């Protein structure tokens, strides 16, 4: 059974940082592209960042220069380091595996 379990969300002030983690089990983690998506209230889910099995990364324009996706294949975990957070980054963040598996999501709220 494939499982993706996110953690690390919370409430942070504008300009602050958070690090999200997604622990994956039930598949050979290291061979797959992984991604982070987010969904704000009343909006469609959108792609935030991806990382391939070889470590190549890609980002949405809205987060370039502020967010960093990384992976630890020894721990079967993908991370999203979020810096310089803005109120518009408020959303539920989801971990995604390239063949369609999703985590349950973790809430990120950026507010003073």
PDB file of N, CA and C in Angstrom:
ATOM      1  N   UNK A   1       0.849  -1.195   0.000  1.00  0.00           N
ATOM      2  CA  UNK A   1       0.000   0.000   0.000  1.00  0.00           C
ATOM      3  C   UNK A   1       0.884   1.245   0.000  1.00  0.00           C
ATOM      4  N   UNK A   2       0.650   2.112  -0.986  1.00  0.00           N
ATOM      5  CA  UNK A   2       1.427   3.341  -1.087  1.00  0.00           C
ATOM      6  C   UNK A   2       0.855   4.393  -0.132  1.00  0.00           C
ATOM      7  N   UNK A   3       1.754   5.017   0.605  1.00  0.00           N
ATOM      8  CA  UNK A   3       1.338   6.092   1.506  1.00  0.00           C
ATOM      9  C   UNK A   3       2.271   7.278   1.369  1.00  0.00           C
ATOM     10  N   UNK A   4       1.680   8.467   1.343  1.00  0.00           N
ATOM     11  CA  UNK A   4       2.426   9.715   1.361  1.00  0.00           C
ATOM     12  C   UNK A   4       1.904  10.506   2.564  1.00  0.00           C
ATOM     13  N   UNK A   5       2.776  10.851   3.482  1.00  0.00           N
ATOM     14  CA  UNK A   5       2.367  11.514   4.716  1.00  0.00           C
ATOM     15  C   UNK A   5       3.130  12.823   4.874  1.00  0.00           C
ATOM     16  N   UNK A   6       2.382  13.929   4.756  1.00  0.00           N
ATOM     17  CA  UNK A   6       3.003  15.247   4.884  1.00  0.00           C
ATOM     18  C   UNK A   6       3.030  15.686   6.344  1.00  0.00           C
ATOM     19  N   UNK A   7       3.985  16.554   6.641  1.00  0.00           N
ATOM     20  CA  UNK A   7       4.073  17.181   7.955  1.00  0.00           C
ATOM     21  C   UNK A   7       4.812  18.503   7.815  1.00  0.00           C
ATOM     22  N   UNK A   8       4.723  19.332   8.870  1.00  0.00           N
ATOM     23  CA  UNK A   8       5.490  20.560   8.890  1.00  0.00           C
ATOM     24  C   UNK A   8       4.708  21.834   8.645  1.00  0.00           C
ATOM     25  N   UNK A   9       3.423  21.712   8.352  1.00  0.00           N
ATOM     26  CA  UNK A   9       2.627  22.914   8.149  1.00  0.00           C
ATOM     27  C   UNK A   9       2.367  23.648   9.452  1.00  0.00           C
ATOM     28  N   UNK A  10       1.753  24.816   9.324  1.00  0.00           N
ATOM     29  CA  UNK A  10       1.436  25.586  10.517  1.00  0.00           C
ATOM     30  C   UNK A  10       1.158  27.035  10.193  1.00  0.00           C
ATOM     31  N   UNK A  11       1.130  27.842  11.246  1.00  0.00           N
ATOM     32  CA  UNK A  11       0.894  29.282  11.131  1.00  0.00           C
ATOM     33  C   UNK A  11       2.233  30.011  11.232  1.00  0.00           C
ATOM     34  N   UNK A  12       2.480  30.906  10.296  1.00  0.00           N
ATOM     35  CA  UNK A  12       3.733  31.652  10.283  1.00  0.00           C
ATOM     36  C   UNK A  12       3.438  33.083   9.854  1.00  0.00           C
ATOM     37  N   UNK A  13       4.233  34.024  10.342  1.00  0.00           N
ATOM     38  CA  UNK A  13       4.078  35.417   9.969  1.00  0.00           C
ATOM     39  C   UNK A  13       4.660  35.672   8.580  1.00  0.00           C
ATOM     40  N   UNK A  14       4.175  36.687   7.893  1.00  0.00           N
ATOM     41  CA  UNK A  14       4.767  37.057   6.601  1.00  0.00           C
ATOM     42  C   UNK A  14       6.271  37.268   6.743  1.00  0.00           C
ATOM     43  N   UNK A  15       7.008  36.760   5.769  1.00  0.00           N
ATOM     44  CA  UNK A  15       8.459  36.820   5.825  1.00  0.00           C
ATOM     45  C   UNK A  15       9.108  35.639   6.517  1.00  0.00           C
ATOM     46  N   UNK A  16       8.318  34.816   7.143  1.00  0.00           N
ATOM     47  CA  UNK A  16       8.843  33.665   7.865  1.00  0.00           C
ATOM     48  C   UNK A  16       9.108  32.474   6.970  1.00  0.00           C
ATOM     49  N   UNK A  17       9.512  31.370   7.612  1.00  0.00           N
ATOM     50  CA  UNK A  17       9.882  30.153   6.887  1.00  0.00           C
ATOM     51  C   UNK A  17       9.192  28.937   7.492  1.00  0.00           C
ATOM     52  N   UNK A  18       8.990  27.946   6.652  1.00  0.00           N
ATOM     53  CA  UNK A  18       8.513  26.643   7.074  1.00  0.00           C
ATOM     54  C   UNK A  18       9.184  25.590   6.195  1.00  0.00           C
ATOM     55  N   UNK A  19       9.324  24.391   6.743  1.00  0.00           N
ATOM     56  CA  UNK A  19       9.843  23.267   5.978  1.00  0.00           C
ATOM     57  C   UNK A  19       8.817  22.140   6.039  1.00  0.00           C
ATOM     58  N   UNK A  20       8.312  21.770   4.875  1.00  0.00           N
ATOM     59  CA  UNK A  20       7.379  20.657   4.780  1.00  0.00           C
ATOM     60  C   UNK A  20       8.139  19.378   4.461  1.00  0.00           C
ATOM     61  N   UNK A  21       7.651  18.277   4.995  1.00  0.00           N
ATOM     62  CA  UNK A  21       8.212  16.959   4.711  1.00  0.00           C
ATOM     63  C   UNK A  21       7.105  16.042   4.209  1.00  0.00           C
ATOM     64  N   UNK A  22       7.492  15.097   3.367  1.00  0.00           N
ATOM     65  CA  UNK A  22       6.554  14.087   2.878  1.00  0.00           C
ATOM     66  C   UNK A  22       7.272  12.740   2.909  1.00  0.00           C
ATOM     67  N   UNK A  23       6.852  11.897   3.815  1.00  0.00           N
ATOM     68  CA  UNK A  23       7.424  10.562   3.938  1.00  0.00           C
ATOM     69  C   UNK A  23       6.616   9.597   3.084  1.00  0.00           C
ATOM     70  N   UNK A  24       7.334   8.838   2.257  1.00  0.00           N
ATOM     71  CA  UNK A  24       6.692   7.954   1.285  1.00  0.00           C
ATOM     72  C   UNK A  24       7.012   6.502   1.618  1.00  0.00           C
ATOM     73  N   UNK A  25       6.019   5.648   1.496  1.00  0.00           N
ATOM     74  CA  UNK A  25       6.226   4.218   1.704  1.00  0.00           C
ATOM     75  C   UNK A  25       5.405   3.434   0.697  1.00  0.00           C
ATOM     76  N   UNK A  26       5.814   2.189   0.476  1.00  0.00           N
ATOM     77  CA  UNK A  26       5.058   1.311  -0.407  1.00  0.00           C
ATOM     78  C   UNK A  26       5.484   1.324  -1.860  1.00  0.00           C
ATOM     79  N   UNK A  27       6.532   2.070  -2.197  1.00  0.00           N
ATOM     80  CA  UNK A  27       7.045   2.054  -3.564  1.00  0.00           C
ATOM     81  C   UNK A  27       8.536   2.352  -3.527  1.00  0.00           C
ATOM     82  N   UNK A  28       9.180   2.170  -4.682  1.00  0.00           N
ATOM     83  CA  UNK A  28      10.622   2.427  -4.786  1.00  0.00           C
ATOM     84  C   UNK A  28      10.800   3.923  -5.010  1.00  0.00           C
ATOM     85  N   UNK A  29      10.907   4.646  -3.916  1.00  0.00           N
ATOM     86  CA  UNK A  29      10.858   6.108  -3.932  1.00  0.00           C
ATOM     87  C   UNK A  29      11.860   6.725  -4.905  1.00  0.00           C
ATOM     88  N   UNK A  30      13.068   6.213  -4.911  1.00  0.00           N
ATOM     89  CA  UNK A  30      14.156   6.920  -5.580  1.00  0.00           C
ATOM     90  C   UNK A  30      13.989   7.020  -7.101  1.00  0.00           C
ATOM     91  N   UNK A  31      13.112   6.215  -7.713  1.00  0.00           N
ATOM     92  CA  UNK A  31      13.022   6.210  -9.178  1.00  0.00           C
ATOM     93  C   UNK A  31      11.946   7.147  -9.703  1.00  0.00           C
ATOM     94  N   UNK A  32      11.191   7.762  -8.818  1.00  0.00           N
ATOM     95  CA  UNK A  32      10.037   8.546  -9.258  1.00  0.00           C
ATOM     96  C   UNK A  32      10.228  10.046  -9.086  1.00  0.00           C
ATOM     97  N   UNK A  33       9.609  10.797 -10.005  1.00  0.00           N
ATOM     98  CA  UNK A  33       9.472  12.228  -9.824  1.00  0.00           C
ATOM     99  C   UNK A  33       8.448  12.504  -8.734  1.00  0.00           C
ATOM    100  N   UNK A  34       8.782  13.432  -7.861  1.00  0.00           N
ATOM    101  CA  UNK A  34       7.875  13.837  -6.783  1.00  0.00           C
ATOM    102  C   UNK A  34       7.565  15.319  -6.923  1.00  0.00           C
ATOM    103  N   UNK A  35       6.429  15.714  -6.385  1.00  0.00           N
ATOM    104  CA  UNK A  35       6.045  17.108  -6.485  1.00  0.00           C
ATOM    105  C   UNK A  35       5.272  17.596  -5.278  1.00  0.00           C
ATOM    106  N   UNK A  36       5.201  18.901  -5.179  1.00  0.00           N
ATOM    107  CA  UNK A  36       4.350  19.565  -4.191  1.00  0.00           C
ATOM    108  C   UNK A  36       3.330  20.411  -4.951  1.00  0.00           C
ATOM    109  N   UNK A  37       2.078  20.297  -4.526  1.00  0.00           N
ATOM    110  CA  UNK A  37       0.995  21.109  -5.038  1.00  0.00           C
ATOM    111  C   UNK A  37       0.384  21.865  -3.863  1.00  0.00           C
ATOM    112  N   UNK A  38      -0.423  22.873  -4.188  1.00  0.00           N
ATOM    113  CA  UNK A  38      -1.159  23.563  -3.136  1.00  0.00           C
ATOM    114  C   UNK A  38      -2.539  23.966  -3.638  1.00  0.00           C
ATOM    115  N   UNK A  39      -3.450  24.099  -2.692  1.00  0.00           N
ATOM    116  CA  UNK A  39      -4.807  24.514  -3.027  1.00  0.00           C
ATOM    117  C   UNK A  39      -5.301  25.503  -1.989  1.00  0.00           C
ATOM    118  N   UNK A  40      -5.554  26.721  -2.442  1.00  0.00           N
ATOM    119  CA  UNK A  40      -6.101  27.755  -1.579  1.00  0.00           C
ATOM    120  C   UNK A  40      -7.631  27.683  -1.623  1.00  0.00           C
ATOM    121  N   UNK A  41      -8.297  28.217  -0.604  1.00  0.00           N
ATOM    122  CA  UNK A  41      -9.770  28.180  -0.579  1.00  0.00           C
ATOM    123  C   UNK A  41     -10.373  28.806  -1.828  1.00  0.00           C
ATOM    124  N   UNK A  42     -11.276  28.094  -2.466  1.00  0.00           N
ATOM    125  CA  UNK A  42     -11.958  28.611  -3.643  1.00  0.00           C
ATOM    126  C   UNK A  42     -11.145  28.592  -4.920  1.00  0.00           C
ATOM    127  N   UNK A  43      -9.952  27.999  -4.866  1.00  0.00           N
ATOM    128  CA  UNK A  43      -9.084  27.969  -6.044  1.00  0.00           C
ATOM    129  C   UNK A  43      -8.752  26.541  -6.433  1.00  0.00           C
ATOM    130  N   UNK A  44      -8.288  26.383  -7.671  1.00  0.00           N
ATOM    131  CA  UNK A  44      -7.875  25.070  -8.133  1.00  0.00           C
ATOM    132  C   UNK A  44      -6.514  24.705  -7.544  1.00  0.00           C
ATOM    133  N   UNK A  45      -6.290  23.413  -7.444  1.00  0.00           N
ATOM    134  CA  UNK A  45      -4.988  22.933  -7.008  1.00  0.00           C
ATOM    135  C   UNK A  45      -3.947  23.313  -8.064  1.00  0.00           C
ATOM    136  N   UNK A  46      -2.798  23.792  -7.606  1.00  0.00           N
ATOM    137  CA  UNK A  46      -1.759  24.229  -8.536  1.00  0.00           C
ATOM    138  C   UNK A  46      -0.417  23.599  -8.181  1.00  0.00           C
ATOM    139  N   UNK A  47       0.387  23.399  -9.207  1.00  0.00           N
ATOM    140  CA  UNK A  47       1.712  22.830  -9.019  1.00  0.00           C
ATOM    141  C   UNK A  47       2.641  23.872  -8.414  1.00  0.00           C
ATOM    142  N   UNK A  48       3.398  23.473  -7.404  1.00  0.00           N
ATOM    143  CA  UNK A  48       4.358  24.371  -6.764  1.00  0.00           C
ATOM    144  C   UNK A  48       5.781  24.053  -7.216  1.00  0.00           C
ATOM    145  N   UNK A  49       6.148  22.770  -7.132  1.00  0.00           N
ATOM    146  CA  UNK A  49       7.524  22.381  -7.463  1.00  0.00           C
ATOM    147  C   UNK A  49       7.578  20.886  -7.727  1.00  0.00           C
ATOM    148  N   UNK A  50       8.556  20.491  -8.552  1.00  0.00           N
ATOM    149  CA  UNK A  50       8.802  19.074  -8.810  1.00  0.00           C
ATOM    150  C   UNK A  50      10.289  18.778  -8.718  1.00  0.00           C
ATOM    151  N   UNK A  51      10.593  17.514  -8.456  1.00  0.00           N
ATOM    152  CA  UNK A  51      11.973  17.058  -8.444  1.00  0.00           C
ATOM    153  C   UNK A  51      12.015  15.664  -9.050  1.00  0.00           C
ATOM    154  N   UNK A  52      12.899  15.474 -10.024  1.00  0.00           N
ATOM    155  CA  UNK A  52      12.999  14.179 -10.697  1.00  0.00           C
ATOM    156  C   UNK A  52      13.854  13.220  -9.882  1.00  0.00           C
ATOM    157  N   UNK A  53      13.911  11.977 -10.353  1.00  0.00           N
ATOM    158  CA  UNK A  53      14.751  10.987  -9.674  1.00  0.00           C
ATOM    159  C   UNK A  53      16.219  11.388  -9.708  1.00  0.00           C
ATOM    160  N   UNK A  54      16.604  12.151 -10.720  1.00  0.00           N
ATOM    161  CA  UNK A  54      17.981  12.603 -10.828  1.00  0.00           C
ATOM    162  C   UNK A  54      18.268  13.904 -10.106  1.00  0.00           C
ATOM    163  N   UNK A  55      17.243  14.501  -9.520  1.00  0.00           N
ATOM    164  CA  UNK A  55      17.429  15.716  -8.746  1.00  0.00           C
ATOM    165  C   UNK A  55      17.155  17.014  -9.491  1.00  0.00           C
ATOM    166  N   UNK A  56      16.704  16.926 -10.742  1.00  0.00           N
ATOM    167  CA  UNK A  56      16.353  18.151 -11.472  1.00  0.00           C
ATOM    168  C   UNK A  56      15.074  18.739 -10.890  1.00  0.00           C
ATOM    169  N   UNK A  57      15.054  20.053 -10.751  1.00  0.00           N
ATOM    170  CA  UNK A  57      13.922  20.713 -10.107  1.00  0.00           C
ATOM    171  C   UNK A  57      13.246  21.711 -11.039  1.00  0.00           C
ATOM    172  N   UNK A  58      11.999  21.985 -10.742  1.00  0.00           N
ATOM    173  CA  UNK A  58      11.240  22.983 -11.478  1.00  0.00           C
ATOM    174  C   UNK A  58      10.264  23.630 -10.512  1.00  0.00           C
ATOM    175  N   UNK A  59       9.975  24.917 -10.747  1.00  0.00           N
ATOM    176  CA  UNK A  59       9.146  25.665  -9.814  1.00  0.00           C
ATOM    177  C   UNK A  59       8.102  26.517 -10.533  1.00  0.00           C
ATOM    178  N   UNK A  60       7.003  26.736  -9.861  1.00  0.00           N
ATOM    179  CA  UNK A  60       6.049  27.724 -10.327  1.00  0.00           C
ATOM    180  C   UNK A  60       6.692  29.104 -10.224  1.00  0.00           C
ATOM    181  N   UNK A  61       6.350  29.985 -11.157  1.00  0.00           N
ATOM    182  CA  UNK A  61       6.949  31.325 -11.150  1.00  0.00           C
ATOM    183  C   UNK A  61       6.708  32.041  -9.829  1.00  0.00           C
ATOM    184  N   UNK A  62       5.571  31.784  -9.215  1.00  0.00           N
ATOM    185  CA  UNK A  62       5.190  32.501  -7.997  1.00  0.00           C
ATOM    186  C   UNK A  62       6.073  32.159  -6.799  1.00  0.00           C
ATOM    187  N   UNK A  63       6.812  31.052  -6.867  1.00  0.00           N
ATOM    188  CA  UNK A  63       7.625  30.642  -5.715  1.00  0.00           C
ATOM    189  C   UNK A  63       9.120  30.595  -6.031  1.00  0.00           C
ATOM    190  N   UNK A  64       9.499  30.843  -7.277  1.00  0.00           N
ATOM    191  CA  UNK A  64      10.914  30.799  -7.648  1.00  0.00           C
ATOM    192  C   UNK A  64      11.728  31.776  -6.804  1.00  0.00           C
ATOM    193  N   UNK A  65      12.857  31.292  -6.319  1.00  0.00           N
ATOM    194  CA  UNK A  65      13.722  32.120  -5.493  1.00  0.00           C
ATOM    195  C   UNK A  65      13.351  32.126  -4.024  1.00  0.00           C
ATOM    196  N   UNK A  66      12.182  31.572  -3.686  1.00  0.00           N
ATOM    197  CA  UNK A  66      11.750  31.541  -2.284  1.00  0.00           C
ATOM    198  C   UNK A  66      11.605  30.113  -1.756  1.00  0.00           C
ATOM    199  N   UNK A  67      11.190  29.199  -2.606  1.00  0.00           N
ATOM    200  CA  UNK A  67      10.957  27.803  -2.196  1.00  0.00           C
ATOM    201  C   UNK A  67      12.046  26.913  -2.801  1.00  0.00           C
ATOM    202  N   UNK A  68      12.390  25.860  -2.077  1.00  0.00           N
ATOM    203  CA  UNK A  68      13.352  24.874  -2.556  1.00  0.00           C
ATOM    204  C   UNK A  68      12.818  23.474  -2.287  1.00  0.00           C
ATOM    205  N   UNK A  69      12.727  22.672  -3.341  1.00  0.00           N
ATOM    206  CA  UNK A  69      12.331  21.275  -3.196  1.00  0.00           C
ATOM    207  C   UNK A  69      13.590  20.421  -3.167  1.00  0.00           C
ATOM    208  N   UNK A  70      13.582  19.394  -2.316  1.00  0.00           N
ATOM    209  CA  UNK A  70      14.725  18.490  -2.244  1.00  0.00           C
ATOM    210  C   UNK A  70      14.223  17.104  -1.861  1.00  0.00           C
ATOM    211  N   UNK A  71      15.110  16.131  -1.956  1.00  0.00           N
ATOM    212  CA  UNK A  71      14.716  14.764  -1.611  1.00  0.00           C
ATOM    213  C   UNK A  71      15.877  14.051  -0.944  1.00  0.00           C
ATOM    214  N   UNK A  72      15.526  13.126  -0.062  1.00  0.00           N
ATOM    215  CA  UNK A  72      16.509  12.272   0.590  1.00  0.00           C
ATOM    216  C   UNK A  72      16.093  10.838   0.280  1.00  0.00           C
ATOM    217  N   UNK A  73      16.754  10.216  -0.683  1.00  0.00           N
ATOM    218  CA  UNK A  73      16.367   8.874  -1.103  1.00  0.00           C
ATOM    219  C   UNK A  73      16.650   7.823  -0.027  1.00  0.00           C
ATOM    220  N   UNK A  74      17.562   8.108   0.870  1.00  0.00           N
ATOM    221  CA  UNK A  74      17.839   7.170   1.964  1.00  0.00           C
ATOM    222  C   UNK A  74      16.691   7.148   2.978  1.00  0.00           C
ATOM    223  N   UNK A  75      15.953   8.263   3.038  1.00  0.00           N
ATOM    224  CA  UNK A  75      14.837   8.368   3.984  1.00  0.00           C
ATOM    225  C   UNK A  75      13.478   8.309   3.301  1.00  0.00           C
ATOM    226  N   UNK A  76      13.474   8.134   1.969  1.00  0.00           N
ATOM    227  CA  UNK A  76      12.220   8.099   1.212  1.00  0.00           C
ATOM    228  C   UNK A  76      11.345   9.313   1.531  1.00  0.00           C
ATOM    229  N   UNK A  77      11.982  10.463   1.519  1.00  0.00           N
ATOM    230  CA  UNK A  77      11.300  11.694   1.927  1.00  0.00           C
ATOM    231  C   UNK A  77      11.602  12.821   0.949  1.00  0.00           C
ATOM    232  N   UNK A  78      10.590  13.604   0.658  1.00  0.00           N
ATOM    233  CA  UNK A  78      10.756  14.812  -0.147  1.00  0.00           C
ATOM    234  C   UNK A  78      10.399  16.010   0.741  1.00  0.00           C
ATOM    235  N   UNK A  79      11.116  17.104   0.527  1.00  0.00           N
ATOM    236  CA  UNK A  79      10.979  18.291   1.362  1.00  0.00           C
ATOM    237  C   UNK A  79      10.602  19.509   0.517  1.00  0.00           C
ATOM    238  N   UNK A  80      10.002  20.486   1.179  1.00  0.00           N
ATOM    239  CA  UNK A  80       9.776  21.781   0.559  1.00  0.00           C
ATOM    240  C   UNK A  80      10.154  22.850   1.584  1.00  0.00           C
ATOM    241  N   UNK A  81      11.289  23.502   1.349  1.00  0.00           N
ATOM    242  CA  UNK A  81      11.720  24.609   2.192  1.00  0.00           C
ATOM    243  C   UNK A  81      11.085  25.881   1.649  1.00  0.00           C
ATOM    244  N   UNK A  82      10.333  26.558   2.490  1.00  0.00           N
ATOM    245  CA  UNK A  82       9.609  27.756   2.072  1.00  0.00           C
ATOM    246  C   UNK A  82      10.119  28.942   2.877  1.00  0.00           C
ATOM    247  N   UNK A  83      10.704  29.902   2.182  1.00  0.00           N
ATOM    248  CA  UNK A  83      11.229  31.110   2.806  1.00  0.00           C
ATOM    249  C   UNK A  83      10.472  32.332   2.298  1.00  0.00           C
ATOM    250  N   UNK A  84      10.632  33.431   3.001  1.00  0.00           N
ATOM    251  CA  UNK A  84       9.992  34.700   2.606  1.00  0.00           C
ATOM    252  C   UNK A  84       8.514  34.495   2.298  1.00  0.00           C
ATOM    253  N   UNK A  85       7.841  33.819   3.184  1.00  0.00           N
ATOM    254  CA  UNK A  85       6.442  33.469   2.949  1.00  0.00           C
ATOM    255  C   UNK A  85       5.550  34.702   2.899  1.00  0.00           C
ATOM    256  N   UNK A  86       4.541  34.619   2.047  1.00  0.00           N
ATOM    257  CA  UNK A  86       3.586  35.703   1.834  1.00  0.00           C
ATOM    258  C   UNK A  86       2.180  35.217   2.177  1.00  0.00           C
ATOM    259  N   UNK A  87       1.274  36.118   2.488  1.00  0.00           N
ATOM    260  CA  UNK A  87      -0.112  35.693   2.759  1.00  0.00           C
ATOM    261  C   UNK A  87      -0.718  34.886   1.609  1.00  0.00           C
ATOM    262  N   UNK A  88      -0.323  35.196   0.388  1.00  0.00           N
ATOM    263  CA  UNK A  88      -0.874  34.467  -0.757  1.00  0.00           C
ATOM    264  C   UNK A  88      -0.330  33.044  -0.880  1.00  0.00           C
ATOM    265  N   UNK A  89       0.621  32.673  -0.050  1.00  0.00           N
ATOM    266  CA  UNK A  89       1.093  31.284   0.001  1.00  0.00           C
ATOM    267  C   UNK A  89       0.193  30.413   0.877  1.00  0.00           C
ATOM    268  N   UNK A  90      -0.761  31.038   1.546  1.00  0.00           N
ATOM    269  CA  UNK A  90      -1.684  30.280   2.392  1.00  0.00           C
ATOM    270  C   UNK A  90      -2.476  29.279   1.565  1.00  0.00           C
ATOM    271  N   UNK A  91      -2.411  28.013   1.966  1.00  0.00           N
ATOM    272  CA  UNK A  91      -3.065  26.941   1.214  1.00  0.00           C
ATOM    273  C   UNK A  91      -2.849  25.623   1.950  1.00  0.00           C
ATOM    274  N   UNK A  92      -3.541  24.604   1.485  1.00  0.00           N
ATOM    275  CA  UNK A  92      -3.220  23.240   1.872  1.00  0.00           C
ATOM    276  C   UNK A  92      -2.193  22.727   0.874  1.00  0.00           C
ATOM    277  N   UNK A  93      -1.094  22.220   1.371  1.00  0.00           N
ATOM    278  CA  UNK A  93      -0.011  21.727   0.532  1.00  0.00           C
ATOM    279  C   UNK A  93      -0.048  20.199   0.482  1.00  0.00           C
ATOM    280  N   UNK A  94       0.037  19.685  -0.745  1.00  0.00           N
ATOM    281  CA  UNK A  94      -0.072  18.248  -0.975  1.00  0.00           C
ATOM    282  C   UNK A  94       1.203  17.716  -1.622  1.00  0.00           C
ATOM    283  N   UNK A  95       1.608  16.554  -1.182  1.00  0.00           N
ATOM    284  CA  UNK A  95       2.700  15.815  -1.794  1.00  0.00           C
ATOM    285  C   UNK A  95       2.120  14.927  -2.897  1.00  0.00           C
ATOM    286  N   UNK A  96       2.852  14.760  -3.984  1.00  0.00           N
ATOM    287  CA  UNK A  96       2.346  14.017  -5.135  1.00  0.00           C
ATOM    288  C   UNK A  96       3.440  13.151  -5.727  1.00  0.00           C
ATOM    289  N   UNK A  97       3.074  11.927  -6.078  1.00  0.00           N
ATOM    290  CA  UNK A  97       3.972  11.005  -6.787  1.00  0.00           C
ATOM    291  C   UNK A  97       3.509  10.936  -8.233  1.00  0.00           C
ATOM    292  N   UNK A  98       4.445  10.844  -9.166  1.00  0.00           N
ATOM    293  CA  UNK A  98       4.148  11.089 -10.574  1.00  0.00           C
ATOM    294  C   UNK A  98       3.064  10.218 -11.158  1.00  0.00           C
ATOM    295  N   UNK A  99       2.783   9.059 -10.573  1.00  0.00           N
ATOM    296  CA  UNK A  99       1.736   8.203 -11.126  1.00  0.00           C
ATOM    297  C   UNK A  99       0.393   8.397 -10.442  1.00  0.00           C
ATOM    298  N   UNK A 100       0.283   9.462  -9.634  1.00  0.00           N
ATOM    299  CA  UNK A 100      -1.045   9.838  -9.165  1.00  0.00           C
ATOM    300  C   UNK A 100      -1.344   9.636  -7.704  1.00  0.00           C
ATOM    301  N   UNK A 101      -0.352   9.246  -6.919  1.00  0.00           N
ATOM    302  CA  UNK A 101      -0.600   9.114  -5.485  1.00  0.00           C
ATOM    303  C   UNK A 101      -0.481  10.488  -4.817  1.00  0.00           C
ATOM    304  N   UNK A 102      -1.379  10.710  -3.841  1.00  0.00           N
ATOM    305  CA  UNK A 102      -1.403  11.975  -3.117  1.00  0.00           C
ATOM    306  C   UNK A 102      -1.323  11.748  -1.615  1.00  0.00           C
ATOM    307  N   UNK A 103      -0.757  12.724  -0.930  1.00  0.00           N
ATOM    308  CA  UNK A 103      -0.847  12.741   0.515  1.00  0.00           C
ATOM    309  C   UNK A 103      -2.153  13.391   0.948  1.00  0.00           C
ATOM    310  N   UNK A 104      -2.338  13.468   2.265  1.00  0.00           N
ATOM    311  CA  UNK A 104      -3.590  14.004   2.796  1.00  0.00           C
ATOM    312  C   UNK A 104      -3.581  15.526   2.887  1.00  0.00           C
ATOM    313  N   UNK A 105      -2.407  16.118   2.758  1.00  0.00           N
ATOM    314  CA  UNK A 105      -2.283  17.570   2.800  1.00  0.00           C
ATOM    315  C   UNK A 105      -1.915  18.101   4.169  1.00  0.00           C
ATOM    316  N   UNK A 106      -1.237  19.241   4.169  1.00  0.00           N
ATOM    317  CA  UNK A 106      -0.883  19.933   5.409  1.00  0.00           C
ATOM    318  C   UNK A 106      -1.168  21.425   5.223  1.00  0.00           C
ATOM    319  N   UNK A 107      -1.793  22.035   6.204  1.00  0.00           N
ATOM    320  CA  UNK A 107      -2.213  23.427   6.096  1.00  0.00           C
ATOM    321  C   UNK A 107      -1.048  24.361   6.384  1.00  0.00           C
ATOM    322  N   UNK A 108      -0.870  25.330   5.504  1.00  0.00           N
ATOM    323  CA  UNK A 108       0.088  26.412   5.718  1.00  0.00           C
ATOM    324  C   UNK A 108      -0.692  27.725   5.731  1.00  0.00           C
ATOM    325  N   UNK A 109      -0.577  28.467   6.815  1.00  0.00           N
ATOM    326  CA  UNK A 109      -1.254  29.751   6.942  1.00  0.00           C
ATOM    327  C   UNK A 109      -0.226  30.827   7.212  1.00  0.00           C
ATOM    328  N   UNK A 110      -0.205  31.848   6.347  1.00  0.00           N
ATOM    329  CA  UNK A 110       0.729  32.962   6.497  1.00  0.00           C
ATOM    330  C   UNK A 110      -0.079  34.199   6.853  1.00  0.00           C
ATOM    331  N   UNK A 111       0.070  34.637   8.087  1.00  0.00           N
ATOM    332  CA  UNK A 111      -0.736  35.741   8.577  1.00  0.00           C
ATOM    333  C   UNK A 111      -0.071  36.396   9.774  1.00  0.00           C
ATOM    334  N   UNK A 112      -0.283  37.694   9.903  1.00  0.00           N
ATOM    335  CA  UNK A 112       0.220  38.417  11.072  1.00  0.00           C
ATOM    336  C   UNK A 112      -0.848  38.495  12.158  1.00  0.00           C
TER     337      UNK A 112
END
